[in-house]
Protein backbone atom coordinates (compact mmCIF):
# COMPACT_ATOMS: atom_id res chain seq x y z
CA MET A 1 0.00 -0.07 0.33
CA PHE A 2 1.40 3.80 -1.19
CA GLU A 3 -0.26 6.59 0.48
CA ARG A 4 1.43 9.97 -0.71
CA PRO A 5 2.74 12.02 2.54
CA VAL A 6 0.81 15.48 3.03
CA ALA A 7 3.15 18.30 2.34
CA SER A 8 2.92 21.36 4.64
CA ASP A 9 4.17 24.96 3.84
CA LEU A 10 7.60 24.78 5.23
CA ALA A 11 9.72 23.16 1.79
CA LEU A 12 13.31 22.19 0.96
CA LEU A 13 14.54 22.81 -2.36
CA VAL A 14 17.25 20.83 -4.55
CA HIS A 15 18.32 21.70 -7.87
CA ILE A 16 20.77 19.85 -9.70
CA ASP A 17 22.74 21.05 -12.70
CA THR A 18 22.76 18.37 -15.37
CA ASP A 19 24.70 17.91 -18.84
CA ASP A 20 21.43 17.99 -20.46
CA ALA A 21 20.47 21.39 -18.52
CA ARG A 22 23.69 23.26 -19.32
CA ARG A 23 23.10 21.94 -23.23
CA ARG A 24 19.50 23.56 -23.29
CA ARG A 25 21.06 26.72 -21.59
CA THR A 26 23.37 26.97 -24.08
CA SER A 27 20.94 26.30 -27.06
CA ASN A 28 18.98 29.01 -25.72
CA GLY A 29 21.15 31.86 -25.42
CA ALA A 30 21.07 34.99 -27.74
CA ARG A 31 24.73 33.87 -29.73
CA ALA A 32 24.17 30.40 -30.57
CA ASP A 33 26.68 30.60 -32.77
CA GLU A 34 29.18 31.04 -29.99
CA PRO A 35 29.60 28.64 -26.96
CA LEU A 36 28.98 29.85 -23.82
CA SER A 37 31.88 30.65 -21.45
CA SER A 38 32.45 29.17 -17.88
CA HIS A 39 31.47 32.70 -16.35
CA GLU A 40 28.54 33.01 -18.53
CA HIS A 41 27.19 29.77 -17.63
CA GLY A 42 27.80 30.26 -14.06
CA LEU A 43 25.60 33.48 -14.41
CA ARG A 44 22.50 31.48 -16.33
CA LEU A 45 22.74 28.90 -13.68
CA ASP A 46 22.66 31.45 -10.61
CA ALA A 47 19.64 33.23 -12.48
CA SER A 48 17.71 29.43 -13.11
CA ARG A 49 18.07 29.01 -9.08
CA ALA A 50 17.11 32.14 -8.10
CA GLU A 51 14.07 32.02 -10.47
CA PHE A 52 13.50 28.59 -9.09
CA LYS A 53 13.26 29.99 -5.63
CA GLU A 54 11.30 32.99 -6.60
CA LEU A 55 8.93 30.41 -7.62
CA ALA A 56 8.15 28.58 -4.71
CA VAL A 57 8.20 31.56 -2.92
CA SER A 58 5.57 32.91 -5.57
CA ALA A 59 3.39 29.49 -4.63
CA GLY A 60 3.40 30.45 -0.74
CA LEU A 61 5.80 28.80 0.44
CA GLN A 62 8.38 29.35 3.07
CA VAL A 63 11.98 27.82 1.83
CA THR A 64 13.98 26.21 4.82
CA ASP A 65 17.22 25.56 2.94
CA PHE A 66 18.32 25.15 -0.74
CA ILE A 67 20.45 21.88 -1.50
CA VAL A 68 22.21 22.19 -4.82
CA GLY A 69 24.75 20.00 -6.73
CA LYS A 70 25.72 18.81 -10.23
CA ARG A 71 25.71 15.40 -11.66
CA LYS A 72 26.27 14.49 -15.51
CA ARG A 73 22.86 12.49 -15.71
CA PRO A 74 20.22 12.00 -13.48
CA ASP A 75 19.71 8.67 -11.70
CA SER A 76 16.92 6.32 -13.45
CA ARG A 77 15.42 5.46 -10.18
CA LEU A 78 15.98 8.57 -7.62
CA PHE A 79 17.71 11.36 -10.25
CA VAL A 80 20.08 12.52 -7.34
CA GLY A 81 22.98 10.02 -6.07
CA LYS A 82 23.08 7.94 -2.51
CA GLY A 83 25.48 10.69 -1.17
CA LYS A 84 23.17 13.64 -2.14
CA LEU A 85 19.86 11.64 -0.82
CA ASP A 86 21.82 11.67 2.18
CA GLU A 87 22.32 15.22 2.54
CA VAL A 88 18.75 16.03 1.74
CA ARG A 89 17.43 13.41 4.41
CA MET A 90 19.62 15.32 6.79
CA ALA A 91 18.72 18.84 6.06
CA LEU A 92 14.68 17.38 6.45
CA SER A 93 15.48 16.18 9.80
CA GLU A 94 17.00 19.59 10.88
CA SER A 95 14.10 22.01 9.06
CA LYS A 96 10.97 19.83 9.94
CA ALA A 97 10.29 20.40 6.35
CA GLU A 98 7.19 18.13 4.76
CA LEU A 99 7.87 19.32 1.25
CA VAL A 100 11.16 18.68 -1.41
CA LEU A 101 11.04 20.54 -4.39
CA PHE A 102 13.43 19.57 -7.00
CA GLY A 103 14.00 22.66 -9.95
CA GLN A 104 14.21 19.68 -12.28
CA ARG A 105 11.34 17.43 -13.92
CA LEU A 106 10.69 14.31 -12.64
CA SER A 107 9.56 10.99 -13.87
CA PRO A 108 6.48 9.47 -12.15
CA SER A 109 8.77 6.72 -11.26
CA GLN A 110 11.46 9.25 -9.47
CA GLU A 111 9.10 11.02 -7.65
CA ARG A 112 7.68 7.89 -6.16
CA ASN A 113 10.85 6.38 -5.36
CA LEU A 114 12.08 9.71 -3.78
CA GLU A 115 8.91 10.01 -1.43
CA ALA A 116 9.29 6.35 -0.46
CA GLU A 117 12.98 7.02 0.69
CA LEU A 118 12.57 10.58 1.89
CA LYS A 119 8.58 10.00 3.97
CA VAL A 120 7.97 13.62 2.65
CA ARG A 121 6.10 14.57 0.01
CA VAL A 122 7.97 15.46 -3.29
CA LEU A 123 7.26 17.87 -6.32
CA ASP A 124 8.88 18.71 -9.52
CA ARG A 125 9.30 22.16 -11.47
CA ASN A 126 6.09 21.33 -13.35
CA SER A 127 3.87 20.74 -10.55
CA LEU A 128 5.50 23.68 -8.86
CA ILE A 129 4.20 26.20 -11.47
CA LEU A 130 0.75 24.32 -12.10
CA ASP A 131 0.04 25.04 -8.46
CA ILE A 132 0.80 28.38 -8.36
CA PHE A 133 -0.97 28.96 -11.78
CA ALA A 134 -4.56 26.67 -9.80
CA GLN A 135 -3.68 29.89 -7.27
CA ARG A 136 -3.69 32.76 -9.87
CA ALA A 137 -6.65 31.59 -12.23
CA ARG A 138 -9.86 33.54 -11.86
CA SER A 139 -12.19 33.17 -15.19
CA PHE A 140 -13.91 30.61 -15.91
CA ASP A 141 -11.74 29.49 -19.02
CA GLY A 142 -8.61 30.28 -17.03
CA LYS A 143 -9.74 27.79 -14.59
CA LEU A 144 -10.42 25.26 -17.01
CA GLN A 145 -7.34 25.31 -18.75
CA VAL A 146 -5.22 24.92 -15.66
CA GLU A 147 -7.46 21.66 -14.53
CA LEU A 148 -6.81 20.33 -17.75
CA ALA A 149 -2.86 20.99 -17.49
CA GLN A 150 -3.16 19.61 -13.46
CA LEU A 151 -5.27 16.67 -15.29
CA GLN A 152 -2.87 15.79 -17.87
CA HIS A 153 0.30 16.01 -15.64
CA LEU A 154 -1.65 13.73 -12.94
CA SER A 155 -2.29 11.01 -15.57
CA THR A 156 1.15 9.72 -15.82
CA ARG A 157 1.49 9.92 -11.64
CA LEU A 158 -1.75 7.62 -10.51
CA VAL A 159 0.22 5.34 -7.58
CA ARG A 160 -2.57 3.71 -6.09
CA GLY A 161 -1.79 0.23 -4.46
CA TRP A 162 -4.61 -0.03 -2.06
CA THR A 163 -5.29 -3.73 -1.73
CA HIS A 164 -8.72 -3.05 0.17
CA LEU A 165 -9.99 -1.74 -3.46
CA GLU A 166 -7.94 -3.75 -5.54
CA ARG A 167 -10.88 -5.46 -7.14
CA GLN A 168 -14.26 -4.23 -7.19
CA LYS A 169 -16.79 -7.31 -7.02
CA GLY A 170 -19.86 -7.35 -9.75
CA GLY A 171 -23.22 -8.11 -9.36
CA ILE A 172 -25.37 -11.04 -10.34
CA GLY A 173 -24.24 -11.82 -14.05
CA LEU A 174 -21.27 -9.58 -13.32
CA ARG A 175 -19.05 -11.42 -11.56
CA GLY A 176 -15.30 -11.24 -12.44
CA PRO A 177 -12.41 -9.24 -11.82
CA GLY A 178 -13.68 -6.04 -12.55
CA GLU A 179 -11.67 -2.90 -12.69
CA THR A 180 -8.79 -2.10 -10.39
CA GLN A 181 -8.72 1.30 -8.17
CA LEU A 182 -5.91 2.67 -10.35
CA GLU A 183 -8.21 1.73 -13.69
CA THR A 184 -10.97 3.29 -12.02
CA ASP A 185 -9.05 6.33 -11.46
CA ARG A 186 -7.85 6.52 -14.99
CA ARG A 187 -11.25 6.30 -16.36
CA LEU A 188 -12.65 9.01 -14.35
CA LEU A 189 -9.65 11.38 -15.14
CA ASN A 190 -9.98 10.85 -18.58
CA GLU A 191 -13.60 11.18 -18.67
CA ARG A 192 -13.21 14.55 -16.79
CA VAL A 193 -10.52 15.69 -19.47
CA LYS A 194 -12.90 14.63 -22.11
CA VAL A 195 -15.54 17.23 -20.86
CA LEU A 196 -12.55 20.02 -19.82
CA LYS A 197 -11.78 19.54 -23.61
CA GLY A 198 -15.21 19.95 -24.56
CA ARG A 199 -15.71 23.30 -22.68
CA LEU A 200 -12.63 24.80 -23.93
CA ALA A 201 -13.77 24.11 -27.58
CA LYS A 202 -16.71 26.05 -27.00
CA VAL A 203 -14.73 29.13 -25.25
CA ARG A 204 -12.00 28.76 -28.22
CA ARG A 205 -15.22 29.11 -30.60
CA GLN A 206 -16.58 32.35 -28.98
CA ARG A 207 -12.80 34.07 -29.06
CA GLU A 208 -12.61 33.08 -32.63
CA GLN A 209 -16.11 35.12 -33.13
CA GLY A 210 -15.11 37.72 -31.45
CA ARG A 211 -11.65 38.09 -33.02
CA ALA A 212 -13.85 37.73 -36.59
CA GLN A 213 -15.83 40.59 -35.34
CA ARG A 214 -13.26 42.94 -34.85
CA SER A 215 -11.36 41.82 -38.23
CA LYS A 216 -14.44 42.96 -39.96
CA THR A 217 -14.59 46.44 -38.03
CA GLY A 218 -10.99 46.55 -38.84
CA ILE A 219 -9.81 46.87 -35.10
CA HIS A 220 -6.31 45.77 -34.51
CA THR A 221 -5.38 43.79 -32.05
CA VAL A 222 -2.17 44.44 -29.69
CA ALA A 223 -0.77 41.52 -27.72
CA LEU A 224 1.45 42.24 -24.55
CA VAL A 225 4.38 39.49 -24.67
CA GLY A 226 7.17 38.84 -22.49
CA TYR A 227 8.96 36.79 -19.70
CA THR A 228 6.95 36.55 -16.50
CA ASN A 229 7.56 39.75 -13.76
CA ALA A 230 8.88 41.69 -16.58
CA GLY A 231 5.94 44.97 -15.98
CA LYS A 232 3.33 43.64 -18.71
CA SER A 233 0.26 43.95 -16.12
CA THR A 234 1.71 47.34 -15.04
CA LEU A 235 2.31 48.73 -18.28
CA PHE A 236 -0.94 47.17 -19.76
CA ASN A 237 -2.94 49.39 -16.69
CA ARG A 238 -0.79 52.51 -17.65
CA LEU A 239 -1.75 52.44 -21.39
CA THR A 240 -5.40 51.29 -20.84
CA ASN A 241 -6.39 53.06 -17.59
CA GLU A 242 -7.23 49.63 -16.09
CA ASN A 243 -6.56 48.30 -12.40
CA VAL A 244 -5.16 44.83 -13.30
CA TYR A 245 -3.65 43.17 -10.49
CA SER A 246 -0.11 43.16 -10.93
CA ALA A 247 2.45 42.32 -8.50
CA ASP A 248 6.42 42.13 -8.07
CA GLN A 249 6.32 38.03 -8.41
CA LEU A 250 6.38 35.33 -11.00
CA PHE A 251 2.88 34.74 -12.74
CA ALA A 252 0.87 37.65 -10.91
CA THR A 253 -1.73 37.49 -13.39
CA LEU A 254 -2.89 34.54 -15.46
CA ASP A 255 -6.12 35.24 -17.25
CA PRO A 256 -5.77 36.94 -20.38
CA THR A 257 -7.61 40.57 -20.60
CA LEU A 258 -8.77 42.69 -23.42
CA ARG A 259 -9.07 46.48 -23.03
CA ARG A 260 -9.65 49.16 -25.43
CA LEU A 261 -6.37 51.12 -26.47
CA GLU A 262 -6.42 54.61 -27.43
CA LEU A 263 -3.52 55.70 -29.47
CA ALA A 264 -2.24 58.89 -31.16
CA HIS A 265 -3.80 60.59 -33.78
CA GLY A 266 -7.60 59.24 -32.68
CA GLN A 267 -6.51 55.43 -33.58
CA ALA A 268 -7.96 52.69 -31.18
CA ALA A 269 -7.01 49.40 -31.15
CA VAL A 270 -7.58 46.01 -28.56
CA MET A 271 -4.92 45.28 -26.14
CA ALA A 272 -4.42 41.79 -24.90
CA ASP A 273 -2.40 41.17 -21.69
CA THR A 274 -1.59 37.65 -21.99
CA VAL A 275 0.07 35.02 -19.68
CA GLY A 276 3.61 35.46 -19.00
CA PHE A 277 6.83 33.11 -20.00
CA ILE A 278 9.28 31.64 -17.95
CA GLU A 279 12.12 29.29 -18.84
CA ASP A 280 11.51 25.32 -19.82
CA LEU A 281 7.82 26.73 -19.56
CA PRO A 282 5.94 23.06 -19.09
CA HIS A 283 4.83 21.80 -22.36
CA GLU A 284 1.46 20.09 -21.08
CA LEU A 285 0.70 24.15 -19.68
CA VAL A 286 1.90 25.29 -23.36
CA ASP A 287 -0.86 23.04 -24.73
CA ALA A 288 -3.88 23.91 -22.34
CA PHE A 289 -3.34 27.34 -22.92
CA ARG A 290 -2.92 26.91 -26.44
CA SER A 291 -6.53 28.72 -26.94
CA THR A 292 -5.35 31.56 -24.68
CA LEU A 293 -1.92 31.98 -26.53
CA THR A 294 -4.35 32.36 -29.40
CA GLU A 295 -4.89 35.99 -29.05
CA THR A 296 -1.18 36.26 -29.26
CA ARG A 297 -0.57 34.44 -32.63
CA GLU A 298 -3.71 36.34 -34.25
CA ALA A 299 -2.55 39.59 -33.05
CA ASP A 300 -1.55 42.42 -35.79
CA LEU A 301 1.56 43.39 -33.46
CA LEU A 302 3.22 41.91 -30.38
CA VAL A 303 4.40 44.49 -27.54
CA HIS A 304 7.36 42.15 -26.23
CA VAL A 305 8.29 43.49 -22.62
CA VAL A 306 11.94 43.30 -21.41
CA ASP A 307 13.02 44.00 -17.93
CA VAL A 308 16.05 46.38 -18.84
CA VAL A 309 17.36 45.87 -15.44
CA ASP A 310 17.43 41.77 -15.30
CA ASP A 311 20.77 40.63 -16.43
CA GLU A 312 19.36 37.85 -18.49
CA ARG A 313 17.42 39.90 -20.20
CA GLU A 314 18.65 38.76 -23.69
CA GLN A 315 18.33 35.30 -22.50
CA ARG A 316 14.83 36.00 -21.49
CA GLN A 317 14.12 37.53 -24.87
CA ALA A 318 15.51 34.38 -26.86
CA GLU A 319 13.43 31.93 -24.47
CA VAL A 320 9.91 34.06 -25.19
CA ASN A 321 10.79 34.13 -28.82
CA GLN A 322 11.22 30.64 -28.83
CA VAL A 323 7.73 29.89 -27.13
CA LEU A 324 5.99 32.01 -29.52
CA LYS A 325 7.56 30.16 -32.42
CA SER A 326 6.28 27.10 -31.15
CA ILE A 327 2.76 28.36 -30.95
CA GLY A 328 3.02 29.46 -34.26
CA ALA A 329 3.22 33.43 -33.64
CA GLY A 330 7.03 33.80 -34.61
CA ASP A 331 6.36 36.07 -37.72
CA VAL A 332 4.02 38.44 -36.13
CA PRO A 333 5.52 42.04 -35.88
CA GLN A 334 7.22 42.61 -32.62
CA LEU A 335 7.90 46.13 -31.03
CA VAL A 336 10.22 45.43 -27.90
CA VAL A 337 9.72 47.54 -24.96
CA TYR A 338 12.54 47.80 -22.23
CA ASN A 339 10.69 48.66 -19.32
CA LYS A 340 11.76 49.75 -15.68
CA ILE A 341 14.13 52.50 -16.50
CA ASP A 342 13.38 54.20 -13.63
CA LEU A 343 15.64 51.88 -11.96
CA VAL A 344 18.55 52.61 -13.67
CA GLU A 345 18.02 55.86 -14.44
CA LEU A 346 17.64 55.73 -18.12
CA SER A 347 15.88 58.19 -20.24
CA PRO A 348 13.07 57.43 -22.40
CA GLN A 349 14.32 56.87 -26.27
CA VAL A 350 12.88 55.35 -29.47
CA ARG A 351 15.10 53.29 -31.21
CA ARG A 352 13.94 53.15 -35.17
CA GLY A 353 15.25 50.97 -38.35
CA GLU A 354 14.40 50.96 -41.88
CA GLY A 355 12.07 53.59 -43.15
CA ASP A 356 12.01 55.18 -39.92
CA THR A 357 10.13 52.32 -38.11
CA ALA A 358 10.02 52.22 -34.45
CA GLU A 359 11.91 48.86 -33.21
CA ALA A 360 12.37 49.48 -29.55
CA VAL A 361 11.12 51.89 -26.96
CA TRP A 362 12.43 52.73 -23.32
CA VAL A 363 9.79 53.32 -20.85
CA SER A 364 8.91 52.81 -17.01
CA ALA A 365 5.34 51.68 -16.80
CA LEU A 366 5.81 52.40 -13.10
CA SER A 367 6.39 56.45 -13.53
CA GLY A 368 4.79 56.91 -16.99
CA GLU A 369 8.27 57.90 -18.53
CA GLY A 370 8.25 56.82 -22.33
CA ILE A 371 4.47 55.96 -22.47
CA GLU A 372 3.41 58.64 -25.14
CA PRO A 373 6.88 58.11 -27.52
CA LEU A 374 5.35 54.45 -27.19
CA LEU A 375 1.72 55.24 -28.11
CA GLU A 376 3.04 56.77 -30.74
CA ALA A 377 5.18 53.82 -31.97
CA ILE A 378 2.14 51.31 -31.90
CA ALA A 379 0.09 53.61 -33.89
CA GLN A 380 2.78 53.76 -36.32
CA ARG A 381 3.37 49.91 -36.58
CA LEU A 382 -0.47 49.49 -36.83
CA GLY A 383 -1.25 52.27 -39.26
CA GLY A 384 2.09 53.76 -40.52
CA ALA A 385 2.07 51.20 -43.97
CA ARG A 386 -0.21 50.22 -46.70
CA VAL A 387 -0.15 48.11 -49.23
CA THR A 388 -1.65 49.32 -52.72
CA GLY A 389 -2.28 47.59 -56.46
CA THR A 390 -4.38 45.20 -58.31
CA LEU A 391 -5.24 41.67 -57.82
CA HIS A 392 -6.33 38.91 -60.65
CA LEU A 393 -8.50 36.66 -59.45
CA SER A 394 -9.82 33.43 -61.23
CA PRO A 395 -13.84 33.03 -60.77
CA ASP A 396 -13.01 30.04 -58.77
CA ARG A 397 -11.00 32.13 -55.85
CA GLY A 398 -14.53 33.47 -54.49
CA LYS A 399 -13.49 32.62 -50.88
CA LEU A 400 -10.31 34.81 -50.68
CA ARG A 401 -12.45 37.57 -52.62
CA ALA A 402 -14.67 37.71 -49.88
CA GLN A 403 -11.99 37.39 -47.08
CA LEU A 404 -10.54 40.60 -49.16
CA TYR A 405 -13.61 42.34 -48.85
CA ALA A 406 -14.03 41.40 -44.85
CA ALA A 407 -10.72 42.82 -44.19
CA SER A 408 -11.90 46.40 -45.92
CA ALA A 409 -8.91 45.53 -48.30
CA VAL A 410 -10.80 45.81 -51.50
CA SER A 411 -11.45 49.86 -52.89
CA ASP A 412 -12.82 48.77 -56.42
CA GLU A 413 -13.62 45.62 -58.59
CA LEU A 414 -13.45 45.21 -62.23
CA VAL A 415 -14.83 41.83 -63.76
CA ALA A 416 -13.98 40.66 -67.56
CA ASP A 417 -15.82 38.59 -69.65
CA ASP A 418 -14.37 35.65 -68.98
CA GLY A 419 -15.07 35.91 -64.96
CA THR A 420 -11.62 37.24 -64.09
CA VAL A 421 -11.88 39.48 -61.25
CA ALA A 422 -9.40 42.54 -60.95
CA LEU A 423 -9.43 43.88 -57.47
CA THR A 424 -7.82 47.17 -56.45
CA ILE A 425 -6.35 46.61 -53.30
CA ASP A 426 -5.66 49.24 -50.27
CA ALA A 427 -5.19 47.64 -47.43
CA ASP A 428 -3.17 47.83 -43.99
CA ALA A 429 0.21 45.96 -44.69
CA VAL A 430 -0.06 44.21 -41.16
CA ASP A 431 -3.28 42.58 -42.66
CA TRP A 432 -2.22 41.89 -46.53
CA ALA A 433 0.84 39.96 -45.38
CA ARG A 434 -0.98 37.84 -43.27
CA LEU A 435 -3.72 37.06 -46.08
CA ALA A 436 -0.54 36.99 -48.91
CA SER A 437 1.09 34.27 -46.23
CA GLU A 438 -2.19 32.37 -45.92
CA HIS A 439 -2.94 32.18 -49.91
CA GLY A 440 0.28 32.70 -51.45
CA ILE A 441 -1.29 35.79 -53.05
CA ASP A 442 1.81 37.72 -54.07
CA ALA A 443 2.44 36.36 -57.28
CA GLU A 444 -0.74 37.20 -58.85
CA PHE A 445 -0.47 40.87 -57.34
CA GLU A 446 0.78 44.03 -59.17
CA ARG A 447 1.60 46.82 -57.22
C-alpha cells in the first residue's frame, strides 16, 4: 500500500545541474553561434536557481534550505545519487520541512521512489508551476485550462496500491475481476479531461467569433508578451487606464484580459494582456493554454516587454521568442519595450530602423516615462504602412475575394468577360501580409 505524504508550507529546495540542462541553456543563448564561457554559464545557472526559489516563494511556500549539486546525468531511480539523498534526508531532519521541491522535471517513478525514501511529499518544477497557476486563475476559461493541465500532468502519476480496493466485485451476472482502483481512477480522469476539452472548445469558438468581428470592423489587436515579472500588467494598466492585478512576483496575473487602447491621432486598438513566459515552460501548460495564446498568434502587433534591469534579459527574450515560435506566433511583427528605466536612471528613447520604423522603446510603466512615444510607435506600426495595387483572381477564388472584402482591403472591382476579377487593393500592410501568407497570392498581385 502506497499513501502519498501530506505536504506543508515548509519546503526544502533541491536544484541539480545536469549536462542536459547545460546544453539547453547554451542552445537558448542569444549568441547561438558561440559557446557559453564558464563565467556566462555560471551566471545563467545562478539565475535559474534564483528563479526556482522565486517560484517557490510565489507559491506561498517558506523555504527552509536550498541544496544544490552537479551531476553528469540523472539517476534513473532517484534522480540524485546516494550521497546527495543522504544530504537531503539530513536537511529534512534539521528543518522539519515536509515538502521537497526539485528544480528539474522528475519522472513519475523518480517522484514515487523519492517519496518512499524521504517519507515526505516530493514535487518537481512543473508541479510547482501548475500549483501557482491554480492559485492565480480567476476567469472561467482560465480555471478550465489549469484543471486540464493538472489532470494531464496527473495522468502519468496515478500511484494507487490500495489492497482493499484492488478488485471491485460485480453483481449477479457480472462477477469477475472488475476494475482495479488504478483503472477506475484513470477512467474517471479521462472522462473529466474529455468534458474539459469540450468546454474549452466552446470557449475557443467564442473567442474566434470575437476576433472575426474585430477583423470585420477593422480594429487591430495588440498583444503584450514577455517573460513573467517583466512588468506587462503594470504597462497594460498604464496604457489602458485599467486596474488589472499586478505584483512583484512570478505569474502575478494569469487570465488574458482585453481592453480598448487609445492611440495617437485618434486611432484605437484592442490590447490583450497574456500569461507571462518562463524558462522551460512545461509542455502541458503550453498545450492547455493554446486557446488563450491564440490571442497572441492572431494579433496584428506583439509588444514584447523586457525587464531592462534583468542581467539575463537577452536570454529571456530568446526564450520568449522560442515559445512564440512554437505556438505559431514567430512571424507576428514585434515592438520591443524595455521597461523599468526608472530603476537604472535611463531616459525614454525610441530606436528606429529601416524606413524610420520604430523597433524598440524605453519606458517606465510605473512612473509613466516614455508612454507617449510608445503610443506613437504602436500607432505607426499598426497604421503607418499600406499596400496598394491590383489583384487578379480567377472565378473559382470567391472565398478569397470574400475575405478581402471582410478585411476592408478592396477599394474597387472590375469583372472581365471570362469571369476574371481585378480587385483594386488598398490594405493595411499587416493585414495584407497575413492574407498573402495564408493564400500565397503575391504572384497574382501587381503593385
